[in-house]
PDB file of N, CA and C in Angstrom:
ATOM      1  N   MET A   1     -21.163  15.463  13.029  1.00  0.00           N
ATOM      2  CA  MET A   1     -19.781  15.848  12.833  1.00  0.00           C
ATOM      3  C   MET A   1     -18.925  14.580  12.873  1.00  0.00           C
ATOM      4  N   TYR A   2     -17.942  14.522  11.987  1.00  0.00           N
ATOM      5  CA  TYR A   2     -17.125  13.324  11.826  1.00  0.00           C
ATOM      6  C   TYR A   2     -15.651  13.660  12.004  1.00  0.00           C
ATOM      7  N   THR A   3     -14.881  12.606  12.240  1.00  0.00           N
ATOM      8  CA  THR A   3     -13.440  12.738  12.350  1.00  0.00           C
ATOM      9  C   THR A   3     -12.791  11.656  11.495  1.00  0.00           C
ATOM     10  N   PHE A   4     -11.621  11.976  10.961  1.00  0.00           N
ATOM     11  CA  PHE A   4     -10.869  11.040  10.132  1.00  0.00           C
ATOM     12  C   PHE A   4      -9.407  11.192  10.476  1.00  0.00           C
ATOM     13  N   ASP A   5      -8.706  10.063  10.562  1.00  0.00           N
ATOM     14  CA  ASP A   5      -7.275  10.104  10.825  1.00  0.00           C
ATOM     15  C   ASP A   5      -6.633   8.834  10.286  1.00  0.00           C
ATOM     16  N   ILE A   6      -5.431   8.950   9.787  1.00  0.00           N
ATOM     17  CA  ILE A   6      -4.644   7.779   9.417  1.00  0.00           C
ATOM     18  C   ILE A   6      -3.988   7.290  10.699  1.00  0.00           C
ATOM     19  N   VAL A   7      -4.152   5.997  10.990  1.00  0.00           N
ATOM     20  CA  VAL A   7      -3.646   5.478  12.260  1.00  0.00           C
ATOM     21  C   VAL A   7      -2.444   4.561  12.111  1.00  0.00           C
ATOM     22  N   GLY A   8      -2.143   4.103  10.902  1.00  0.00           N
ATOM     23  CA  GLY A   8      -0.962   3.266  10.771  1.00  0.00           C
ATOM     24  C   GLY A   8      -0.940   2.455   9.497  1.00  0.00           C
ATOM     25  N   VAL A   9       0.036   1.557   9.466  1.00  0.00           N
ATOM     26  CA  VAL A   9       0.218   0.622   8.370  1.00  0.00           C
ATOM     27  C   VAL A   9       0.160  -0.772   8.982  1.00  0.00           C
ATOM     28  N   SER A  10      -0.527  -1.683   8.316  1.00  0.00           N
ATOM     29  CA  SER A  10      -0.727  -3.020   8.860  1.00  0.00           C
ATOM     30  C   SER A  10      -0.558  -4.064   7.768  1.00  0.00           C
ATOM     31  N   PRO A  11      -0.025  -5.234   8.123  1.00  0.00           N
ATOM     32  CA  PRO A  11      -0.063  -6.339   7.166  1.00  0.00           C
ATOM     33  C   PRO A  11      -1.522  -6.670   6.831  1.00  0.00           C
ATOM     34  N   ILE A  12      -1.771  -7.064   5.606  1.00  0.00           N
ATOM     35  CA  ILE A  12      -3.134  -7.331   5.148  1.00  0.00           C
ATOM     36  C   ILE A  12      -3.843  -8.321   6.064  1.00  0.00           C
ATOM     37  N   LEU A  13      -3.196  -9.432   6.379  1.00  0.00           N
ATOM     38  CA  LEU A  13      -3.830 -10.476   7.180  1.00  0.00           C
ATOM     39  C   LEU A  13      -4.173  -9.989   8.582  1.00  0.00           C
ATOM     40  N   SER A  14      -3.325  -9.192   9.173  1.00  0.00           N
ATOM     41  CA  SER A  14      -3.611  -8.658  10.512  1.00  0.00           C
ATOM     42  C   SER A  14      -4.846  -7.768  10.495  1.00  0.00           C
ATOM     43  N   PHE A  15      -4.943  -6.915   9.503  1.00  0.00           N
ATOM     44  CA  PHE A  15      -6.116  -6.038   9.415  1.00  0.00           C
ATOM     45  C   PHE A  15      -7.380  -6.854   9.165  1.00  0.00           C
ATOM     46  N   PHE A  16      -7.290  -7.828   8.287  1.00  0.00           N
ATOM     47  CA  PHE A  16      -8.443  -8.684   8.007  1.00  0.00           C
ATOM     48  C   PHE A  16      -8.904  -9.393   9.278  1.00  0.00           C
ATOM     49  N   ASN A  17      -7.970  -9.948  10.047  1.00  0.00           N
ATOM     50  CA  ASN A  17      -8.322 -10.635  11.294  1.00  0.00           C
ATOM     51  C   ASN A  17      -8.978  -9.689  12.287  1.00  0.00           C
ATOM     52  N   GLN A  18      -8.471  -8.474  12.393  1.00  0.00           N
ATOM     53  CA  GLN A  18      -9.055  -7.495  13.312  1.00  0.00           C
ATOM     54  C   GLN A  18     -10.481  -7.175  12.897  1.00  0.00           C
ATOM     55  N   GLN A  19     -10.708  -6.988  11.620  1.00  0.00           N
ATOM     56  CA  GLN A  19     -12.046  -6.682  11.122  1.00  0.00           C
ATOM     57  C   GLN A  19     -13.002  -7.856  11.359  1.00  0.00           C
ATOM     58  N   GLN A  20     -12.514  -9.082  11.173  1.00  0.00           N
ATOM     59  CA  GLN A  20     -13.344 -10.259  11.430  1.00  0.00           C
ATOM     60  C   GLN A  20     -13.738 -10.339  12.902  1.00  0.00           C
ATOM     61  N   ASN A  21     -12.805 -10.042  13.796  1.00  0.00           N
ATOM     62  CA  ASN A  21     -13.107 -10.054  15.231  1.00  0.00           C
ATOM     63  C   ASN A  21     -14.194  -9.043  15.567  1.00  0.00           C
ATOM     64  N   VAL A  22     -14.129  -7.878  14.978  1.00  0.00           N
ATOM     65  CA  VAL A  22     -15.149  -6.850  15.219  1.00  0.00           C
ATOM     66  C   VAL A  22     -16.506  -7.337  14.725  1.00  0.00           C
ATOM     67  N   LEU A  23     -16.534  -7.939  13.536  1.00  0.00           N
ATOM     68  CA  LEU A  23     -17.798  -8.439  12.986  1.00  0.00           C
ATOM     69  C   LEU A  23     -18.388  -9.551  13.846  1.00  0.00           C
ATOM     70  N   GLU A  24     -17.528 -10.455  14.325  1.00  0.00           N
ATOM     71  CA  GLU A  24     -18.001 -11.562  15.149  1.00  0.00           C
ATOM     72  C   GLU A  24     -18.568 -11.082  16.478  1.00  0.00           C
ATOM     73  N   LYS A  25     -18.001 -10.027  17.015  1.00  0.00           N
ATOM     74  CA  LYS A  25     -18.490  -9.478  18.284  1.00  0.00           C
ATOM     75  C   LYS A  25     -19.710  -8.594  18.082  1.00  0.00           C
ATOM     76  N   ASN A  26     -20.020  -8.326  16.802  1.00  0.00           N
ATOM     77  CA  ASN A  26     -21.170  -7.487  16.447  1.00  0.00           C
ATOM     78  C   ASN A  26     -21.137  -6.152  17.190  1.00  0.00           C
ATOM     79  N   GLN A  27     -19.968  -5.537  17.211  1.00  0.00           N
ATOM     80  CA  GLN A  27     -19.793  -4.258  17.888  1.00  0.00           C
ATOM     81  C   GLN A  27     -20.113  -3.116  16.926  1.00  0.00           C
ATOM     82  N   SER A  28     -21.145  -2.388  17.213  1.00  0.00           N
ATOM     83  CA  SER A  28     -21.491  -1.216  16.423  1.00  0.00           C
ATOM     84  C   SER A  28     -21.196   0.015  17.267  1.00  0.00           C
ATOM     85  N   THR A  29     -19.999   0.560  17.105  1.00  0.00           N
ATOM     86  CA  THR A  29     -19.553   1.631  17.990  1.00  0.00           C
ATOM     87  C   THR A  29     -19.626   3.013  17.374  1.00  0.00           C
ATOM     88  N   GLY A  30     -19.868   3.111  16.086  1.00  0.00           N
ATOM     89  CA  GLY A  30     -19.822   4.421  15.444  1.00  0.00           C
ATOM     90  C   GLY A  30     -18.412   4.819  15.062  1.00  0.00           C
ATOM     91  N   VAL A  31     -17.487   3.868  15.227  1.00  0.00           N
ATOM     92  CA  VAL A  31     -16.089   4.060  14.843  1.00  0.00           C
ATOM     93  C   VAL A  31     -15.746   2.930  13.882  1.00  0.00           C
ATOM     94  N   GLU A  32     -15.203   3.274  12.732  1.00  0.00           N
ATOM     95  CA  GLU A  32     -14.833   2.272  11.731  1.00  0.00           C
ATOM     96  C   GLU A  32     -13.365   2.436  11.363  1.00  0.00           C
ATOM     97  N   TYR A  33     -12.714   1.296  11.148  1.00  0.00           N
ATOM     98  CA  TYR A  33     -11.349   1.289  10.644  1.00  0.00           C
ATOM     99  C   TYR A  33     -11.412   0.800   9.209  1.00  0.00           C
ATOM    100  N   VAL A  34     -10.833   1.572   8.323  1.00  0.00           N
ATOM    101  CA  VAL A  34     -10.866   1.279   6.895  1.00  0.00           C
ATOM    102  C   VAL A  34      -9.434   1.192   6.388  1.00  0.00           C
ATOM    103  N   SER A  35      -9.281   0.585   5.221  1.00  0.00           N
ATOM    104  CA  SER A  35      -7.919   0.412   4.711  1.00  0.00           C
ATOM    105  C   SER A  35      -7.873   0.637   3.210  1.00  0.00           C
ATOM    106  N   THR A  36      -6.659   0.862   2.749  1.00  0.00           N
ATOM    107  CA  THR A  36      -6.412   1.043   1.324  1.00  0.00           C
ATOM    108  C   THR A  36      -4.964   0.655   1.023  1.00  0.00           C
ATOM    109  N   PHE A  37      -4.721   0.260  -0.216  1.00  0.00           N
ATOM    110  CA  PHE A  37      -3.368  -0.092  -0.638  1.00  0.00           C
ATOM    111  C   PHE A  37      -2.540   1.132  -1.012  1.00  0.00           C
ATOM    112  N   GLU A  38      -3.202   2.268  -1.217  1.00  0.00           N
ATOM    113  CA  GLU A  38      -2.519   3.479  -1.661  1.00  0.00           C
ATOM    114  C   GLU A  38      -2.805   4.631  -0.713  1.00  0.00           C
ATOM    115  N   CYS A  39      -1.873   5.539  -0.636  1.00  0.00           N
ATOM    116  CA  CYS A  39      -2.072   6.754   0.157  1.00  0.00           C
ATOM    117  C   CYS A  39      -2.351   7.903  -0.809  1.00  0.00           C
ATOM    118  N   THR A  40      -3.566   7.874  -1.351  1.00  0.00           N
ATOM    119  CA  THR A  40      -4.020   8.942  -2.239  1.00  0.00           C
ATOM    120  C   THR A  40      -5.381   9.420  -1.740  1.00  0.00           C
ATOM    121  N   LEU A  41      -5.737  10.631  -2.103  1.00  0.00           N
ATOM    122  CA  LEU A  41      -7.038  11.149  -1.699  1.00  0.00           C
ATOM    123  C   LEU A  41      -8.163  10.279  -2.255  1.00  0.00           C
ATOM    124  N   ASP A  42      -8.063   9.891  -3.518  1.00  0.00           N
ATOM    125  CA  ASP A  42      -9.108   9.053  -4.113  1.00  0.00           C
ATOM    126  C   ASP A  42      -9.265   7.731  -3.370  1.00  0.00           C
ATOM    127  N   ALA A  43      -8.146   7.110  -3.011  1.00  0.00           N
ATOM    128  CA  ALA A  43      -8.208   5.829  -2.299  1.00  0.00           C
ATOM    129  C   ALA A  43      -8.833   5.988  -0.915  1.00  0.00           C
ATOM    130  N   LEU A  44      -8.484   7.067  -0.222  1.00  0.00           N
ATOM    131  CA  LEU A  44      -9.057   7.297   1.107  1.00  0.00           C
ATOM    132  C   LEU A  44     -10.558   7.567   1.017  1.00  0.00           C
ATOM    133  N   ILE A  45     -10.966   8.346   0.028  1.00  0.00           N
ATOM    134  CA  ILE A  45     -12.400   8.603  -0.156  1.00  0.00           C
ATOM    135  C   ILE A  45     -13.129   7.297  -0.453  1.00  0.00           C
ATOM    136  N   HIS A  46     -12.571   6.502  -1.339  1.00  0.00           N
ATOM    137  CA  HIS A  46     -13.207   5.221  -1.663  1.00  0.00           C
ATOM    138  C   HIS A  46     -13.324   4.335  -0.421  1.00  0.00           C
ATOM    139  N   SER A  47     -12.318   4.351   0.438  1.00  0.00           N
ATOM    140  CA  SER A  47     -12.357   3.496   1.632  1.00  0.00           C
ATOM    141  C   SER A  47     -13.496   3.883   2.567  1.00  0.00           C
ATOM    142  N   VAL A  48     -13.782   5.174   2.697  1.00  0.00           N
ATOM    143  CA  VAL A  48     -14.882   5.572   3.588  1.00  0.00           C
ATOM    144  C   VAL A  48     -16.242   5.386   2.920  1.00  0.00           C
ATOM    145  N   GLU A  49     -16.267   5.340   1.601  1.00  0.00           N
ATOM    146  CA  GLU A  49     -17.538   5.108   0.902  1.00  0.00           C
ATOM    147  C   GLU A  49     -18.040   3.682   1.108  1.00  0.00           C
ATOM    148  N   THR A  50     -17.160   2.793   1.539  1.00  0.00           N
ATOM    149  CA  THR A  50     -17.538   1.396   1.750  1.00  0.00           C
ATOM    150  C   THR A  50     -17.930   1.101   3.196  1.00  0.00           C
ATOM    151  N   VAL A  51     -17.958   2.110   4.042  1.00  0.00           N
ATOM    152  CA  VAL A  51     -18.319   1.914   5.446  1.00  0.00           C
ATOM    153  C   VAL A  51     -19.750   1.397   5.527  1.00  0.00           C
ATOM    154  N   SER A  52     -19.947   0.520   6.470  1.00  0.00           N
ATOM    155  CA  SER A  52     -21.253  -0.114   6.657  1.00  0.00           C
ATOM    156  C   SER A  52     -22.385   0.912   6.721  1.00  0.00           C
ATOM    157  N   PRO A  53     -23.450   0.684   5.974  1.00  0.00           N
ATOM    158  CA  PRO A  53     -24.557   1.644   5.960  1.00  0.00           C
ATOM    159  C   PRO A  53     -25.376   1.672   7.251  1.00  0.00           C
ATOM    160  N   HIS A  54     -25.148   0.735   8.172  1.00  0.00           N
ATOM    161  CA  HIS A  54     -25.942   0.735   9.402  1.00  0.00           C
ATOM    162  C   HIS A  54     -25.647   1.938  10.295  1.00  0.00           C
ATOM    163  N   HIS A  55     -24.563   2.650  10.017  1.00  0.00           N
ATOM    164  CA  HIS A  55     -24.253   3.850  10.801  1.00  0.00           C
ATOM    165  C   HIS A  55     -25.177   5.017  10.462  1.00  0.00           C
ATOM    166  N   LYS A  56     -25.752   4.985   9.276  1.00  0.00           N
ATOM    167  CA  LYS A  56     -26.620   6.080   8.813  1.00  0.00           C
ATOM    168  C   LYS A  56     -25.889   7.421   8.823  1.00  0.00           C
ATOM    169  N   TRP A  57     -24.614   7.370   8.430  1.00  0.00           N
ATOM    170  CA  TRP A  57     -23.829   8.588   8.346  1.00  0.00           C
ATOM    171  C   TRP A  57     -24.208   9.346   7.078  1.00  0.00           C
ATOM    172  N   HIS A  58     -23.965  10.648   7.091  1.00  0.00           N
ATOM    173  CA  HIS A  58     -24.139  11.486   5.906  1.00  0.00           C
ATOM    174  C   HIS A  58     -22.846  11.392   5.099  1.00  0.00           C
ATOM    175  N   LEU A  59     -22.883  10.608   4.039  1.00  0.00           N
ATOM    176  CA  LEU A  59     -21.678  10.307   3.270  1.00  0.00           C
ATOM    177  C   LEU A  59     -20.983  11.561   2.766  1.00  0.00           C
ATOM    178  N   ASP A  60     -21.724  12.558   2.327  1.00  0.00           N
ATOM    179  CA  ASP A  60     -21.101  13.792   1.839  1.00  0.00           C
ATOM    180  C   ASP A  60     -20.273  14.460   2.934  1.00  0.00           C
ATOM    181  N   GLU A  61     -20.766  14.440   4.162  1.00  0.00           N
ATOM    182  CA  GLU A  61     -20.021  15.037   5.276  1.00  0.00           C
ATOM    183  C   GLU A  61     -18.786  14.212   5.614  1.00  0.00           C
ATOM    184  N   VAL A  62     -18.913  12.884   5.554  1.00  0.00           N
ATOM    185  CA  VAL A  62     -17.762  12.013   5.819  1.00  0.00           C
ATOM    186  C   VAL A  62     -16.683  12.267   4.773  1.00  0.00           C
ATOM    187  N   VAL A  63     -17.066  12.308   3.507  1.00  0.00           N
ATOM    188  CA  VAL A  63     -16.102  12.573   2.430  1.00  0.00           C
ATOM    189  C   VAL A  63     -15.482  13.954   2.618  1.00  0.00           C
ATOM    190  N   GLY A  64     -16.268  14.939   2.987  1.00  0.00           N
ATOM    191  CA  GLY A  64     -15.734  16.275   3.258  1.00  0.00           C
ATOM    192  C   GLY A  64     -14.707  16.270   4.374  1.00  0.00           C
ATOM    193  N   THR A  65     -14.933  15.442   5.385  1.00  0.00           N
ATOM    194  CA  THR A  65     -13.978  15.317   6.489  1.00  0.00           C
ATOM    195  C   THR A  65     -12.658  14.739   5.992  1.00  0.00           C
ATOM    196  N   VAL A  66     -12.733  13.743   5.107  1.00  0.00           N
ATOM    197  CA  VAL A  66     -11.518  13.149   4.533  1.00  0.00           C
ATOM    198  C   VAL A  66     -10.775  14.190   3.699  1.00  0.00           C
ATOM    199  N   VAL A  67     -11.482  14.933   2.881  1.00  0.00           N
ATOM    200  CA  VAL A  67     -10.853  15.964   2.045  1.00  0.00           C
ATOM    201  C   VAL A  67     -10.193  17.022   2.924  1.00  0.00           C
ATOM    202  N   ASN A  68     -10.874  17.461   3.976  1.00  0.00           N
ATOM    203  CA  ASN A  68     -10.282  18.447   4.894  1.00  0.00           C
ATOM    204  C   ASN A  68      -9.026  17.902   5.551  1.00  0.00           C
ATOM    205  N   PHE A  69      -9.059  16.633   5.959  1.00  0.00           N
ATOM    206  CA  PHE A  69      -7.865  16.015   6.541  1.00  0.00           C
ATOM    207  C   PHE A  69      -6.717  16.058   5.533  1.00  0.00           C
ATOM    208  N   TRP A  70      -6.997  15.668   4.310  1.00  0.00           N
ATOM    209  CA  TRP A  70      -5.979  15.626   3.258  1.00  0.00           C
ATOM    210  C   TRP A  70      -5.382  17.013   3.011  1.00  0.00           C
ATOM    211  N   MET A  71      -6.222  18.019   2.954  1.00  0.00           N
ATOM    212  CA  MET A  71      -5.768  19.379   2.650  1.00  0.00           C
ATOM    213  C   MET A  71      -4.983  20.009   3.804  1.00  0.00           C
ATOM    214  N   ASN A  72      -5.255  19.599   5.027  1.00  0.00           N
ATOM    215  CA  ASN A  72      -4.658  20.251   6.198  1.00  0.00           C
ATOM    216  C   ASN A  72      -3.534  19.474   6.862  1.00  0.00           C
ATOM    217  N   ASN A  73      -3.157  18.319   6.314  1.00  0.00           N
ATOM    218  CA  ASN A  73      -2.163  17.477   6.982  1.00  0.00           C
ATOM    219  C   ASN A  73      -1.129  16.921   6.012  1.00  0.00           C
ATOM    220  N   SER A  74      -0.550  17.772   5.195  1.00  0.00           N
ATOM    221  CA  SER A  74       0.381  17.289   4.169  1.00  0.00           C
ATOM    222  C   SER A  74       1.586  16.569   4.769  1.00  0.00           C
ATOM    223  N   ASP A  75       2.083  17.023   5.921  1.00  0.00           N
ATOM    224  CA  ASP A  75       3.220  16.341   6.548  1.00  0.00           C
ATOM    225  C   ASP A  75       2.859  14.916   6.954  1.00  0.00           C
ATOM    226  N   LEU A  76       1.684  14.750   7.548  1.00  0.00           N
ATOM    227  CA  LEU A  76       1.232  13.407   7.931  1.00  0.00           C
ATOM    228  C   LEU A  76       1.009  12.532   6.703  1.00  0.00           C
ATOM    229  N   ILE A  77       0.449  13.093   5.664  1.00  0.00           N
ATOM    230  CA  ILE A  77       0.210  12.341   4.431  1.00  0.00           C
ATOM    231  C   ILE A  77       1.534  11.815   3.885  1.00  0.00           C
ATOM    232  N   HIS A  78       2.535  12.672   3.814  1.00  0.00           N
ATOM    233  CA  HIS A  78       3.848  12.243   3.310  1.00  0.00           C
ATOM    234  C   HIS A  78       4.466  11.193   4.221  1.00  0.00           C
ATOM    235  N   HIS A  79       4.328  11.368   5.522  1.00  0.00           N
ATOM    236  CA  HIS A  79       4.858  10.388   6.477  1.00  0.00           C
ATOM    237  C   HIS A  79       4.240   9.011   6.233  1.00  0.00           C
ATOM    238  N   TRP A  80       2.907   8.943   6.161  1.00  0.00           N
ATOM    239  CA  TRP A  80       2.242   7.650   6.004  1.00  0.00           C
ATOM    240  C   TRP A  80       2.438   7.077   4.610  1.00  0.00           C
ATOM    241  N   LYS A  81       2.578   7.928   3.622  1.00  0.00           N
ATOM    242  CA  LYS A  81       2.871   7.441   2.272  1.00  0.00           C
ATOM    243  C   LYS A  81       4.232   6.744   2.261  1.00  0.00           C
ATOM    244  N   ASP A  82       5.215   7.345   2.922  1.00  0.00           N
ATOM    245  CA  ASP A  82       6.547   6.737   3.022  1.00  0.00           C
ATOM    246  C   ASP A  82       6.512   5.436   3.815  1.00  0.00           C
ATOM    247  N   ARG A  83       5.773   5.416   4.937  1.00  0.00           N
ATOM    248  CA  ARG A  83       5.692   4.205   5.768  1.00  0.00           C
ATOM    249  C   ARG A  83       5.024   3.066   5.002  1.00  0.00           C
ATOM    250  N   LEU A  84       3.992   3.389   4.235  1.00  0.00           N
ATOM    251  CA  LEU A  84       3.308   2.371   3.448  1.00  0.00           C
ATOM    252  C   LEU A  84       4.238   1.809   2.382  1.00  0.00           C
ATOM    253  N   GLN A  85       4.988   2.677   1.739  1.00  0.00           N
ATOM    254  CA  GLN A  85       5.940   2.223   0.728  1.00  0.00           C
ATOM    255  C   GLN A  85       7.023   1.364   1.374  1.00  0.00           C
ATOM    256  N   ASP A  86       7.527   1.771   2.542  1.00  0.00           N
ATOM    257  CA  ASP A  86       8.547   0.999   3.256  1.00  0.00           C
ATOM    258  C   ASP A  86       8.044  -0.391   3.648  1.00  0.00           C
ATOM    259  N   ALA A  87       6.762  -0.497   3.958  1.00  0.00           N
ATOM    260  CA  ALA A  87       6.190  -1.756   4.442  1.00  0.00           C
ATOM    261  C   ALA A  87       6.011  -2.789   3.328  1.00  0.00           C
ATOM    262  N   GLY A  88       5.963  -2.352   2.096  1.00  0.00           N
ATOM    263  CA  GLY A  88       5.834  -3.286   0.983  1.00  0.00           C
ATOM    264  C   GLY A  88       4.400  -3.535   0.564  1.00  0.00           C
ATOM    265  N   LYS A  89       4.266  -4.312  -0.506  1.00  0.00           N
ATOM    266  CA  LYS A  89       2.953  -4.474  -1.134  1.00  0.00           C
ATOM    267  C   LYS A  89       1.996  -5.370  -0.365  1.00  0.00           C
ATOM    268  N   GLU A  90       2.449  -6.028   0.675  1.00  0.00           N
ATOM    269  CA  GLU A  90       1.569  -6.883   1.478  1.00  0.00           C
ATOM    270  C   GLU A  90       0.989  -6.129   2.668  1.00  0.00           C
ATOM    271  N   SER A  91       1.022  -4.804   2.607  1.00  0.00           N
ATOM    272  CA  SER A  91       0.546  -3.984   3.722  1.00  0.00           C
ATOM    273  C   SER A  91      -0.525  -3.005   3.266  1.00  0.00           C
ATOM    274  N   LEU A  92      -1.284  -2.535   4.239  1.00  0.00           N
ATOM    275  CA  LEU A  92      -2.373  -1.593   4.004  1.00  0.00           C
ATOM    276  C   LEU A  92      -2.188  -0.347   4.847  1.00  0.00           C
ATOM    277  N   LEU A  93      -2.685   0.755   4.348  1.00  0.00           N
ATOM    278  CA  LEU A  93      -2.787   1.981   5.126  1.00  0.00           C
ATOM    279  C   LEU A  93      -4.119   1.911   5.871  1.00  0.00           C
ATOM    280  N   VAL A  94      -4.081   2.060   7.188  1.00  0.00           N
ATOM    281  CA  VAL A  94      -5.286   1.937   8.011  1.00  0.00           C
ATOM    282  C   VAL A  94      -5.687   3.319   8.520  1.00  0.00           C
ATOM    283  N   SER A  95      -6.962   3.619   8.374  1.00  0.00           N
ATOM    284  CA  SER A  95      -7.505   4.902   8.823  1.00  0.00           C
ATOM    285  C   SER A  95      -8.718   4.657   9.706  1.00  0.00           C
ATOM    286  N   ARG A  96      -9.006   5.658  10.524  1.00  0.00           N
ATOM    287  CA  ARG A  96     -10.183   5.597  11.392  1.00  0.00           C
ATOM    288  C   ARG A  96     -11.136   6.708  10.993  1.00  0.00           C
ATOM    289  N   VAL A  97     -12.390   6.353  10.811  1.00  0.00           N
ATOM    290  CA  VAL A  97     -13.436   7.332  10.555  1.00  0.00           C
ATOM    291  C   VAL A  97     -14.522   7.089  11.597  1.00  0.00           C
ATOM    292  N   ALA A  98     -15.030   8.185  12.147  1.00  0.00           N
ATOM    293  CA  ALA A  98     -16.008   8.037  13.228  1.00  0.00           C
ATOM    294  C   ALA A  98     -16.848   9.287  13.353  1.00  0.00           C
ATOM    295  N   ASP A  99     -18.035   9.087  13.928  1.00  0.00           N
ATOM    296  CA  ASP A  99     -18.733  10.293  14.345  1.00  0.00           C
ATOM    297  C   ASP A  99     -18.080  10.708  15.661  1.00  0.00           C
ATOM    298  N   ILE A 100     -17.952  11.984  15.864  1.00  0.00           N
ATOM    299  CA  ILE A 100     -17.136  12.540  16.943  1.00  0.00           C
ATOM    300  C   ILE A 100     -17.605  12.073  18.319  1.00  0.00           C
ATOM    301  N   HIS A 101     -18.905  11.931  18.511  1.00  0.00           N
ATOM    302  CA  HIS A 101     -19.435  11.517  19.816  1.00  0.00           C
ATOM    303  C   HIS A 101     -19.085  10.062  20.116  1.00  0.00           C
ATOM    304  N   SER A 102     -19.154   9.202  19.120  1.00  0.00           N
ATOM    305  CA  SER A 102     -18.803   7.796  19.313  1.00  0.00           C
ATOM    306  C   SER A 102     -17.326   7.636  19.622  1.00  0.00           C
ATOM    307  N   LEU A 103     -16.481   8.411  18.947  1.00  0.00           N
ATOM    308  CA  LEU A 103     -15.050   8.333  19.216  1.00  0.00           C
ATOM    309  C   LEU A 103     -14.751   8.795  20.636  1.00  0.00           C
ATOM    310  N   LYS A 104     -15.398   9.855  21.062  1.00  0.00           N
ATOM    311  CA  LYS A 104     -15.225  10.342  22.434  1.00  0.00           C
ATOM    312  C   LYS A 104     -15.639   9.262  23.429  1.00  0.00           C
ATOM    313  N   ASN A 105     -16.767   8.605  23.195  1.00  0.00           N
ATOM    314  CA  ASN A 105     -17.226   7.533  24.077  1.00  0.00           C
ATOM    315  C   ASN A 105     -16.245   6.368  24.101  1.00  0.00           C
ATOM    316  N   GLU A 106     -15.677   6.030  22.951  1.00  0.00           N
ATOM    317  CA  GLU A 106     -14.707   4.939  22.894  1.00  0.00           C
ATOM    318  C   GLU A 106     -13.465   5.282  23.709  1.00  0.00           C
ATOM    319  N   PHE A 107     -12.979   6.509  23.598  1.00  0.00           N
ATOM    320  CA  PHE A 107     -11.818   6.928  24.384  1.00  0.00           C
ATOM    321  C   PHE A 107     -12.133   6.919  25.876  1.00  0.00           C
ATOM    322  N   GLU A 108     -13.324   7.342  26.248  1.00  0.00           N
ATOM    323  CA  GLU A 108     -13.702   7.354  27.667  1.00  0.00           C
ATOM    324  C   GLU A 108     -13.782   5.944  28.233  1.00  0.00           C
ATOM    325  N   ARG A 109     -14.187   4.964  27.426  1.00  0.00           N
ATOM    326  CA  ARG A 109     -14.224   3.569  27.885  1.00  0.00           C
ATOM    327  C   ARG A 109     -12.827   3.044  28.177  1.00  0.00           C
ATOM    328  N   LEU A 110     -11.820   3.620  27.539  1.00  0.00           N
ATOM    329  CA  LEU A 110     -10.442   3.188  27.762  1.00  0.00           C
ATOM    330  C   LEU A 110      -9.891   3.647  29.108  1.00  0.00           C
ATOM    331  N   LEU A 111     -10.500   4.663  29.690  1.00  0.00           N
ATOM    332  CA  LEU A 111     -10.010   5.212  30.957  1.00  0.00           C
ATOM    333  C   LEU A 111     -10.365   4.360  32.129  1.00  0.00           C
TER     334      LEU A 111
END
């Protein structure tokens, strides 16, 4: 079972630096942050299709999770679409995709 959520808008360089830090630490948590220049269903699906294959996720289920998020959260979609437009072309829409157990473990580590 997977979860997907849009978490914010970030300058391109900030997101790139964050991703580089994760790669350098070689942290395989089962939680991935992905980005796109557009807030469209196609762009979000494409962003999760590029997730590292070492997770061994079932891509069809991950894509289904993104589609369900899109269909059930129109207010959030409009909010983030507006925020991305306000931020300008040097920014990305950042989303989190994870298997539910890994996300739960990550939240518990924060406590």
